[in-house]
Amino acid sequence: MKKALIVAAVVVVVAVIYFASSGTKSDKTELSLFLSMQATEPATLTFEDLAAEYMKENPDVSIEVIVGGGDAEAMLKTKMAANDLPDMWTTHGWSLMRYSEYLEPLNDQPWAKDISPLIKPAITGKDGKFYVLPMDVEVTGIPCNMTVLEKSGVDADAIRTLDDLFAACEKVKQAGFTPMVLGGKDIWPIGQYLLWTAFSELVADTDNSEIDNLTSGQFPEEKWVEVVGWMHRAKELGYFNVDVVTSSYNDSVQTYAQDKAAFIVTANYAVGEALTYNPNGKFGFIPIPSADENGEVLLMTGERAAVGVWKDSPRKAESLKFIAYLAQPENIARMATAGSNPTGLTNSTSDTGMLKPFYEKYASVTTYPIFDRAYLPSGMWDTLCTTGAAILAGSMTPKQAAEKARVDYDKLYHQ
């Protein structure tokens, strides 16, 4: 009898706790914001700060910020398949090609008229609809450590071709520094390197551009051997860090920040991260070089801190209110400044810090949308990363990597 009473008492206590907890949850609107960024990025920290400030101003709202990091795209693919998506997420350049059918069109938002012409073409579909608030614009080349280049006797402005880049790497290596640091453990920086060489080989020589072929279902397998070949050569020549396969992205940022490496394989936002480790560092970037002297140098541009709202969210109205908060000029400026990027809305300006003279210097350089997002079918990013990792590990030749890329391209393009 006593045992039964004890059990009954436990059930009552559990029930009280459960319903008390349920009652507490129902008092607030619980939103989720999924970030495709790394935990250490200044943009991630800014999103977290803005969410905290919004919750303080709106105590009836709770926002869970989820950091996807290198697994972000795989996590979102799983959630798309289950039709169980976050209320909001950063689209990482895929607001049109991958996520548009899941996102709420935002053309009717008050801030829509202020979208920067730098980003508007990249986020607007053929029907004129767009699905994200672009808080900043990613305009990027190859980030470099100006101190290391200076000590190595390298003139950054003289780097116009990939041969020039490799000649600079040789000078850096002879001076005792790491030419290019890449955090291969996180795998996505490997894909970043192949974006550079894909632009160099397939886009920069405008007279022999492969853009039309790539966007019409024809994969240039022979030329892709050269694209991945530059990674193989860099490894063979000792231009990557010796722990390229096992080091993390954060390791590479610290090495770059501590004046031990000339170039870091990522995008310009690495400069903001590097400054948190070395506030006195001297960092910049160069345009992506051409594969030969007949080509042009270029820059990539696209979405960075761009946020969309799940069209089927049961909390869509509340999510749009938070998006409106993010769109306030002062918040746009904060986000863009955090990434040392231009703002995504024209009614605000950012402080691009030490990158400002580089943006001004390269203002006339042609910009192209980020390669895989514009010219490859959805899903090819994984192929870039895995085949590049196989080359670094020595388990795949450039020819084999190109064949694998062609097979995956054909399958994904025609599915």
Protein backbone atom coordinates (compact mmCIF):
# COMPACT_ATOMS: atom_id res chain seq x y z
CA MET A 1 0.00 0.00 0.00
CA LYS A 2 2.79 2.36 0.93
CA LYS A 3 4.57 1.46 -2.30
CA ALA A 4 1.44 2.27 -4.30
CA LEU A 5 1.09 5.60 -2.52
CA ILE A 6 4.71 6.43 -3.22
CA VAL A 7 4.31 5.59 -6.91
CA ALA A 8 1.14 7.66 -7.08
CA ALA A 9 2.90 10.55 -5.39
CA VAL A 10 5.76 10.36 -7.89
CA VAL A 11 3.29 10.37 -10.79
CA VAL A 12 1.57 13.43 -9.35
CA VAL A 13 4.90 15.23 -8.89
CA VAL A 14 5.98 14.36 -12.43
CA ALA A 15 2.64 15.50 -13.79
CA VAL A 16 2.88 18.78 -11.88
CA ILE A 17 6.38 19.36 -13.21
CA TYR A 18 5.32 18.47 -16.76
CA PHE A 19 2.29 20.73 -16.83
CA ALA A 20 4.14 23.50 -15.07
CA SER A 21 6.85 23.18 -17.70
CA SER A 22 4.30 23.06 -20.49
CA GLY A 23 2.61 26.13 -19.11
CA THR A 24 5.91 27.97 -19.03
CA LYS A 25 6.63 27.05 -22.64
CA SER A 26 3.26 28.25 -23.84
CA ASP A 27 3.90 31.66 -22.35
CA LYS A 28 6.49 32.43 -25.03
CA THR A 29 6.69 32.21 -28.80
CA GLU A 30 9.67 29.93 -29.43
CA LEU A 31 11.53 30.66 -32.66
CA SER A 32 14.50 28.86 -34.16
CA LEU A 33 17.28 30.50 -36.17
CA PHE A 34 19.69 28.13 -37.93
CA LEU A 35 23.09 29.49 -38.97
CA SER A 36 25.23 27.95 -41.70
CA MET A 37 28.32 29.60 -40.24
CA GLN A 38 31.13 28.54 -37.95
CA ALA A 39 30.74 29.07 -34.20
CA THR A 40 33.79 31.34 -34.03
CA GLU A 41 32.81 33.70 -36.84
CA PRO A 42 32.07 37.31 -35.89
CA ALA A 43 28.82 37.06 -37.87
CA THR A 44 27.68 34.15 -35.68
CA LEU A 45 28.42 36.10 -32.53
CA THR A 46 26.56 39.10 -33.93
CA PHE A 47 23.50 36.99 -34.72
CA GLU A 48 23.57 35.67 -31.16
CA ASP A 49 23.85 39.20 -29.76
CA LEU A 50 21.00 40.49 -31.91
CA ALA A 51 18.78 37.58 -30.88
CA ALA A 52 19.54 38.23 -27.21
CA GLU A 53 18.75 41.93 -27.59
CA TYR A 54 15.50 41.18 -29.39
CA MET A 55 14.43 38.80 -26.64
CA LYS A 56 15.20 41.44 -24.04
CA GLU A 57 12.97 43.91 -25.88
CA ASN A 58 10.35 41.22 -26.49
CA PRO A 59 10.18 39.03 -23.38
CA ASP A 60 7.30 37.04 -24.87
CA VAL A 61 9.65 35.66 -27.55
CA SER A 62 12.40 33.04 -27.20
CA ILE A 63 14.91 32.53 -30.04
CA GLU A 64 17.07 29.43 -30.22
CA VAL A 65 20.18 30.09 -32.30
CA ILE A 66 21.51 26.84 -33.82
CA VAL A 67 25.02 26.87 -35.31
CA GLY A 68 25.35 24.33 -38.10
CA GLY A 69 28.99 24.95 -38.98
CA GLY A 70 30.50 22.61 -41.57
CA ASP A 71 27.52 20.23 -41.30
CA ALA A 72 24.94 22.93 -41.98
CA GLU A 73 23.95 21.95 -45.51
CA ALA A 74 23.62 18.25 -44.66
CA MET A 75 21.50 19.10 -41.64
CA LEU A 76 19.19 21.31 -43.69
CA LYS A 77 18.86 18.67 -46.41
CA THR A 78 17.66 16.21 -43.79
CA LYS A 79 15.17 18.72 -42.47
CA MET A 80 13.93 19.51 -45.99
CA ALA A 81 13.31 15.83 -46.63
CA ALA A 82 11.22 15.67 -43.46
CA ASN A 83 9.57 19.04 -44.14
CA ASP A 84 10.55 20.03 -40.62
CA LEU A 85 12.66 23.14 -41.05
CA PRO A 86 13.77 25.89 -38.65
CA ASP A 87 11.60 29.00 -38.54
CA MET A 88 14.51 30.95 -40.05
CA TRP A 89 17.88 30.07 -41.50
CA THR A 90 20.86 31.59 -43.29
CA THR A 91 20.85 30.29 -46.84
CA HIS A 92 24.59 30.38 -47.55
CA GLY A 93 24.10 31.33 -51.19
CA TRP A 94 21.32 28.89 -51.95
CA SER A 95 18.19 30.97 -51.41
CA LEU A 96 17.13 30.46 -55.03
CA MET A 97 18.53 27.17 -56.31
CA ARG A 98 18.02 25.05 -53.21
CA TYR A 99 15.69 26.69 -50.73
CA SER A 100 13.26 28.92 -52.63
CA GLU A 101 10.42 26.37 -52.59
CA TYR A 102 10.66 26.28 -48.79
CA LEU A 103 11.02 30.00 -48.17
CA GLU A 104 8.53 32.85 -47.85
CA PRO A 105 8.86 35.51 -50.61
CA LEU A 106 9.94 38.79 -49.03
CA ASN A 107 9.25 41.27 -51.83
CA ASP A 108 6.51 42.98 -49.81
CA GLN A 109 8.71 43.77 -46.81
CA PRO A 110 9.34 47.48 -46.06
CA TRP A 111 13.11 47.09 -46.46
CA ALA A 112 12.85 45.40 -49.90
CA LYS A 113 13.28 48.68 -51.77
CA ASP A 114 16.70 49.16 -50.16
CA ILE A 115 18.41 45.96 -51.32
CA SER A 116 21.89 46.74 -52.62
CA PRO A 117 22.45 46.37 -56.39
CA LEU A 118 25.60 44.39 -55.47
CA ILE A 119 23.50 41.50 -54.19
CA LYS A 120 20.08 41.92 -55.78
CA PRO A 121 20.83 39.99 -59.01
CA ALA A 122 22.21 37.06 -57.01
CA ILE A 123 19.11 36.66 -54.83
CA THR A 124 16.36 37.49 -57.35
CA GLY A 125 14.72 34.76 -59.40
CA LYS A 126 13.49 35.01 -62.98
CA ASP A 127 10.01 35.74 -61.64
CA GLY A 128 11.34 38.73 -59.70
CA LYS A 129 10.89 37.10 -56.29
CA PHE A 130 13.52 36.97 -53.57
CA TYR A 131 13.47 35.05 -50.32
CA VAL A 132 16.11 36.47 -47.98
CA LEU A 133 17.12 39.56 -46.09
CA PRO A 134 20.74 40.13 -47.23
CA MET A 135 22.36 41.74 -44.20
CA ASP A 136 25.71 41.98 -45.94
CA VAL A 137 27.31 41.14 -49.29
CA GLU A 138 30.16 38.71 -49.57
CA VAL A 139 32.73 40.18 -51.94
CA THR A 140 35.84 38.07 -51.64
CA GLY A 141 39.09 37.02 -53.18
CA ILE A 142 42.04 35.25 -51.54
CA PRO A 143 42.76 36.53 -48.00
CA CYS A 144 46.43 37.23 -47.35
CA ASN A 145 48.69 38.16 -44.46
CA MET A 146 50.46 41.33 -45.53
CA THR A 147 53.20 40.95 -42.90
CA VAL A 148 54.19 37.51 -44.16
CA LEU A 149 54.12 38.64 -47.79
CA GLU A 150 56.31 41.63 -46.97
CA LYS A 151 58.84 39.52 -45.04
CA SER A 152 58.90 37.05 -47.93
CA GLY A 153 59.53 39.73 -50.55
CA VAL A 154 56.22 39.15 -52.33
CA ASP A 155 54.41 41.96 -54.16
CA ALA A 156 50.73 41.06 -53.82
CA ASP A 157 49.76 43.37 -56.70
CA ALA A 158 51.98 41.38 -59.06
CA ILE A 159 49.94 38.19 -58.61
CA ARG A 160 47.83 37.98 -61.77
CA THR A 161 47.99 34.30 -62.70
CA LEU A 162 48.08 31.00 -60.85
CA ASP A 163 51.72 30.67 -61.85
CA ASP A 164 52.32 34.03 -60.15
CA LEU A 165 50.53 32.73 -57.05
CA PHE A 166 52.68 29.60 -56.96
CA ALA A 167 55.84 31.68 -57.48
CA ALA A 168 54.77 33.77 -54.48
CA CYS A 169 54.17 30.58 -52.49
CA GLU A 170 57.70 29.41 -53.28
CA LYS A 171 59.13 32.67 -51.97
CA VAL A 172 57.04 32.37 -48.82
CA LYS A 173 58.19 28.78 -48.31
CA GLN A 174 61.85 29.74 -48.76
CA ALA A 175 61.38 32.52 -46.20
CA GLY A 176 60.29 29.95 -43.63
CA PHE A 177 56.52 30.52 -43.62
CA THR A 178 53.57 28.37 -44.66
CA PRO A 179 52.41 29.53 -48.12
CA MET A 180 48.75 28.45 -47.83
CA VAL A 181 47.02 27.25 -44.68
CA LEU A 182 43.96 25.01 -45.07
CA GLY A 183 41.89 23.34 -42.34
CA GLY A 184 41.11 20.08 -44.15
CA LYS A 185 39.63 18.33 -41.11
CA ASP A 186 36.49 20.45 -41.57
CA ILE A 187 36.56 19.51 -45.30
CA TRP A 188 34.65 22.56 -46.59
CA PRO A 189 37.83 24.70 -46.96
CA ILE A 190 38.99 22.08 -49.46
CA GLY A 191 35.99 22.95 -51.62
CA GLN A 192 36.84 26.63 -51.23
CA TYR A 193 40.26 26.08 -52.79
CA LEU A 194 38.67 24.35 -55.77
CA LEU A 195 36.29 27.30 -56.22
CA TRP A 196 39.36 29.48 -56.75
CA THR A 197 40.96 27.20 -59.33
CA ALA A 198 37.63 26.54 -61.06
CA PHE A 199 37.22 30.26 -61.61
CA SER A 200 40.83 30.52 -62.79
CA GLU A 201 40.55 27.69 -65.31
CA LEU A 202 36.93 27.92 -66.45
CA VAL A 203 35.81 31.54 -66.09
CA ALA A 204 38.74 33.97 -65.94
CA ASP A 205 39.74 33.42 -69.58
CA THR A 206 36.59 35.02 -70.95
CA ASP A 207 37.36 33.99 -74.55
CA ASN A 208 37.27 30.34 -73.47
CA SER A 209 34.73 30.50 -70.65
CA GLU A 210 32.92 27.28 -69.75
CA ILE A 211 29.94 29.07 -68.15
CA ASP A 212 27.56 28.33 -71.02
CA ASN A 213 28.55 24.66 -71.10
CA LEU A 214 28.27 24.22 -67.35
CA THR A 215 24.84 25.81 -67.20
CA SER A 216 23.53 23.75 -70.13
CA GLY A 217 24.55 20.32 -68.88
CA GLN A 218 28.00 19.89 -70.40
CA PHE A 219 30.76 19.18 -67.89
CA PRO A 220 34.33 20.02 -69.08
CA GLU A 221 36.04 16.93 -67.69
CA GLU A 222 39.42 17.54 -69.35
CA LYS A 223 39.61 21.08 -68.05
CA TRP A 224 38.49 19.89 -64.62
CA VAL A 225 41.67 17.80 -64.48
CA GLU A 226 43.50 21.13 -64.45
CA VAL A 227 41.11 22.58 -61.83
CA VAL A 228 41.91 19.84 -59.32
CA GLY A 229 45.47 19.55 -60.60
CA TRP A 230 46.36 22.85 -58.94
CA MET A 231 45.52 21.31 -55.58
CA HIS A 232 47.64 18.26 -56.33
CA ARG A 233 50.59 20.45 -57.35
CA ALA A 234 50.30 22.65 -54.28
CA LYS A 235 50.42 19.58 -52.05
CA GLU A 236 53.35 18.04 -53.93
CA LEU A 237 55.30 21.32 -53.76
CA GLY A 238 54.71 21.67 -50.00
CA TYR A 239 52.63 24.82 -50.26
CA PHE A 240 49.97 23.68 -47.78
CA ASN A 241 50.44 23.29 -44.04
CA VAL A 242 51.89 19.87 -43.22
CA ASP A 243 48.78 18.96 -41.20
CA VAL A 244 46.41 19.99 -44.00
CA VAL A 245 44.28 16.86 -43.63
CA THR A 246 43.99 16.84 -39.84
CA SER A 247 43.93 20.53 -38.86
CA SER A 248 40.66 22.37 -38.32
CA TYR A 249 39.44 25.59 -39.85
CA ASN A 250 39.93 27.33 -36.51
CA ASP A 251 43.54 26.06 -36.44
CA SER A 252 44.11 27.62 -39.85
CA VAL A 253 42.69 30.97 -38.74
CA GLN A 254 45.03 31.06 -35.75
CA THR A 255 48.05 30.17 -37.90
CA TYR A 256 47.12 32.90 -40.37
CA ALA A 257 46.50 35.40 -37.56
CA GLN A 258 49.83 34.70 -35.89
CA ASP A 259 51.84 35.73 -38.98
CA LYS A 260 52.83 32.18 -39.83
CA ALA A 261 51.05 31.80 -43.19
CA ALA A 262 50.71 34.01 -46.26
CA PHE A 263 47.29 32.90 -47.56
CA ILE A 264 44.32 31.23 -45.87
CA VAL A 265 41.96 29.03 -47.84
CA THR A 266 38.59 30.60 -47.02
CA ALA A 267 36.90 33.94 -47.71
CA ASN A 268 37.44 37.52 -46.56
CA TYR A 269 35.48 37.03 -43.35
CA ALA A 270 38.58 35.23 -42.01
CA VAL A 271 40.14 38.67 -41.54
CA GLY A 272 37.60 39.58 -38.87
CA GLU A 273 38.27 36.29 -37.09
CA ALA A 274 42.04 36.75 -37.36
CA LEU A 275 41.83 40.16 -35.72
CA THR A 276 40.28 38.58 -32.62
CA TYR A 277 43.53 36.62 -32.22
CA ASN A 278 45.89 39.35 -33.37
CA PRO A 279 44.39 42.86 -33.17
CA ASN A 280 47.64 44.31 -34.52
CA GLY A 281 47.80 42.05 -37.54
CA LYS A 282 47.96 43.33 -41.11
CA PHE A 283 45.57 41.48 -43.38
CA GLY A 284 44.11 41.98 -46.83
CA PHE A 285 43.09 40.10 -49.94
CA ILE A 286 43.94 39.73 -53.60
CA PRO A 287 41.61 38.93 -56.52
CA ILE A 288 41.42 35.33 -57.75
CA PRO A 289 44.07 34.98 -60.45
CA SER A 290 43.59 33.66 -63.96
CA ALA A 291 45.06 30.37 -65.13
CA ASP A 292 46.97 32.20 -67.86
CA GLU A 293 48.06 35.67 -68.89
CA ASN A 294 45.16 36.14 -71.29
CA GLY A 295 42.57 35.95 -68.54
CA GLU A 296 41.29 38.44 -66.01
CA VAL A 297 41.52 38.52 -62.26
CA LEU A 298 38.12 38.39 -60.57
CA LEU A 299 36.20 38.46 -57.29
CA MET A 300 33.36 36.30 -56.01
CA THR A 301 30.18 37.81 -54.69
CA GLY A 302 27.09 36.34 -53.12
CA GLU A 303 25.01 35.82 -50.01
CA ARG A 304 26.67 35.69 -46.63
CA ALA A 305 24.49 36.73 -43.67
CA ALA A 306 21.25 36.28 -45.63
CA VAL A 307 18.22 35.13 -43.64
CA GLY A 308 15.00 33.55 -44.90
CA VAL A 309 11.75 32.43 -43.26
CA TRP A 310 10.20 28.96 -43.66
CA LYS A 311 6.97 29.49 -45.58
CA ASP A 312 5.19 26.73 -43.62
CA SER A 313 6.35 27.83 -40.20
CA PRO A 314 3.50 27.99 -37.68
CA ARG A 315 5.34 31.02 -36.33
CA LYS A 316 5.81 32.80 -39.66
CA ALA A 317 4.33 36.13 -38.52
CA GLU A 318 6.61 36.26 -35.48
CA SER A 319 9.61 35.27 -37.59
CA LEU A 320 8.93 38.10 -40.04
CA LYS A 321 8.87 40.52 -37.12
CA PHE A 322 12.34 39.37 -36.13
CA ILE A 323 13.50 39.71 -39.74
CA ALA A 324 12.19 43.29 -39.70
CA TYR A 325 14.25 43.87 -36.56
CA LEU A 326 17.37 42.52 -38.26
CA ALA A 327 16.67 44.85 -41.21
CA GLN A 328 16.95 47.99 -39.09
CA PRO A 329 19.84 50.07 -40.50
CA GLU A 330 21.91 49.90 -37.31
CA ASN A 331 21.63 46.10 -37.22
CA ILE A 332 22.51 45.75 -40.88
CA ALA A 333 25.59 47.92 -40.26
CA ARG A 334 26.61 45.80 -37.26
CA MET A 335 26.40 42.56 -39.18
CA ALA A 336 28.25 43.84 -42.24
CA THR A 337 30.94 45.41 -40.08
CA ALA A 338 31.40 42.13 -38.20
CA GLY A 339 32.28 40.40 -41.46
CA SER A 340 34.19 43.36 -42.91
CA ASN A 341 31.69 43.29 -45.77
CA PRO A 342 29.60 45.90 -47.61
CA THR A 343 26.02 46.19 -46.39
CA GLY A 344 23.18 44.34 -48.09
CA LEU A 345 20.82 47.31 -47.78
CA THR A 346 21.59 50.75 -49.15
CA ASN A 347 20.12 52.64 -46.19
CA SER A 348 23.10 51.71 -44.01
CA THR A 349 26.88 51.63 -44.27
CA SER A 350 29.49 49.38 -42.68
CA ASP A 351 33.01 49.84 -41.43
CA THR A 352 35.10 47.44 -43.47
CA GLY A 353 38.15 48.28 -41.39
CA MET A 354 41.52 47.34 -42.81
CA LEU A 355 39.85 45.80 -45.86
CA LYS A 356 38.51 49.18 -46.97
CA PRO A 357 41.57 50.10 -49.09
CA PHE A 358 41.41 46.68 -50.76
CA TYR A 359 37.73 47.09 -51.67
CA GLU A 360 38.61 50.50 -53.10
CA LYS A 361 41.65 49.20 -54.98
CA TYR A 362 39.66 46.38 -56.59
CA ALA A 363 36.44 48.30 -57.18
CA SER A 364 36.78 47.88 -60.95
CA VAL A 365 37.54 44.14 -60.82
CA THR A 366 34.78 42.02 -62.37
CA THR A 367 32.68 40.11 -59.86
CA TYR A 368 31.05 36.74 -60.49
CA PRO A 369 28.56 34.79 -58.38
CA ILE A 370 30.16 32.12 -56.20
CA PHE A 371 31.08 29.32 -58.60
CA ASP A 372 29.22 26.25 -57.37
CA ARG A 373 26.07 28.21 -56.54
CA ALA A 374 25.80 29.61 -60.06
CA TYR A 375 27.36 27.08 -62.41
CA LEU A 376 27.02 23.65 -60.80
CA PRO A 377 23.90 21.67 -59.89
CA SER A 378 22.88 21.49 -56.25
CA GLY A 379 24.84 18.77 -54.50
CA MET A 380 28.14 19.26 -56.34
CA TRP A 381 29.67 21.07 -53.37
CA ASP A 382 29.98 17.72 -51.62
CA THR A 383 31.81 16.34 -54.65
CA LEU A 384 34.30 19.22 -54.63
CA CYS A 385 35.05 18.65 -50.97
CA THR A 386 35.34 14.85 -51.07
CA THR A 387 37.39 14.60 -54.26
CA GLY A 388 39.68 17.37 -53.06
CA ALA A 389 40.12 15.55 -49.75
CA ALA A 390 41.01 12.38 -51.65
CA ILE A 391 43.67 14.26 -53.61
CA LEU A 392 45.18 15.65 -50.40
CA ALA A 393 45.14 12.16 -48.87
CA GLY A 394 46.80 10.70 -51.97
CA SER A 395 43.96 8.27 -52.66
CA MET A 396 42.79 9.88 -55.90
CA THR A 397 44.57 11.39 -58.90
CA PRO A 398 43.37 14.58 -60.61
CA LYS A 399 42.14 12.46 -63.54
CA GLN A 400 40.13 10.23 -61.21
CA ALA A 401 38.75 13.25 -59.35
CA ALA A 402 37.65 14.83 -62.64
CA GLU A 403 35.95 11.61 -63.73
CA LYS A 404 34.10 11.42 -60.40
CA ALA A 405 33.06 15.07 -60.73
CA ARG A 406 31.71 14.45 -64.24
CA VAL A 407 29.67 11.43 -63.10
CA ASP A 408 28.19 13.37 -60.17
CA TYR A 409 27.52 16.43 -62.32
CA ASP A 410 25.63 14.37 -64.93
CA LYS A 411 23.56 12.62 -62.26
CA LEU A 412 22.70 15.81 -60.37
CA TYR A 413 22.08 17.96 -63.43
CA HIS A 414 19.58 15.53 -64.94
CA GLN A 415 17.81 14.37 -61.77
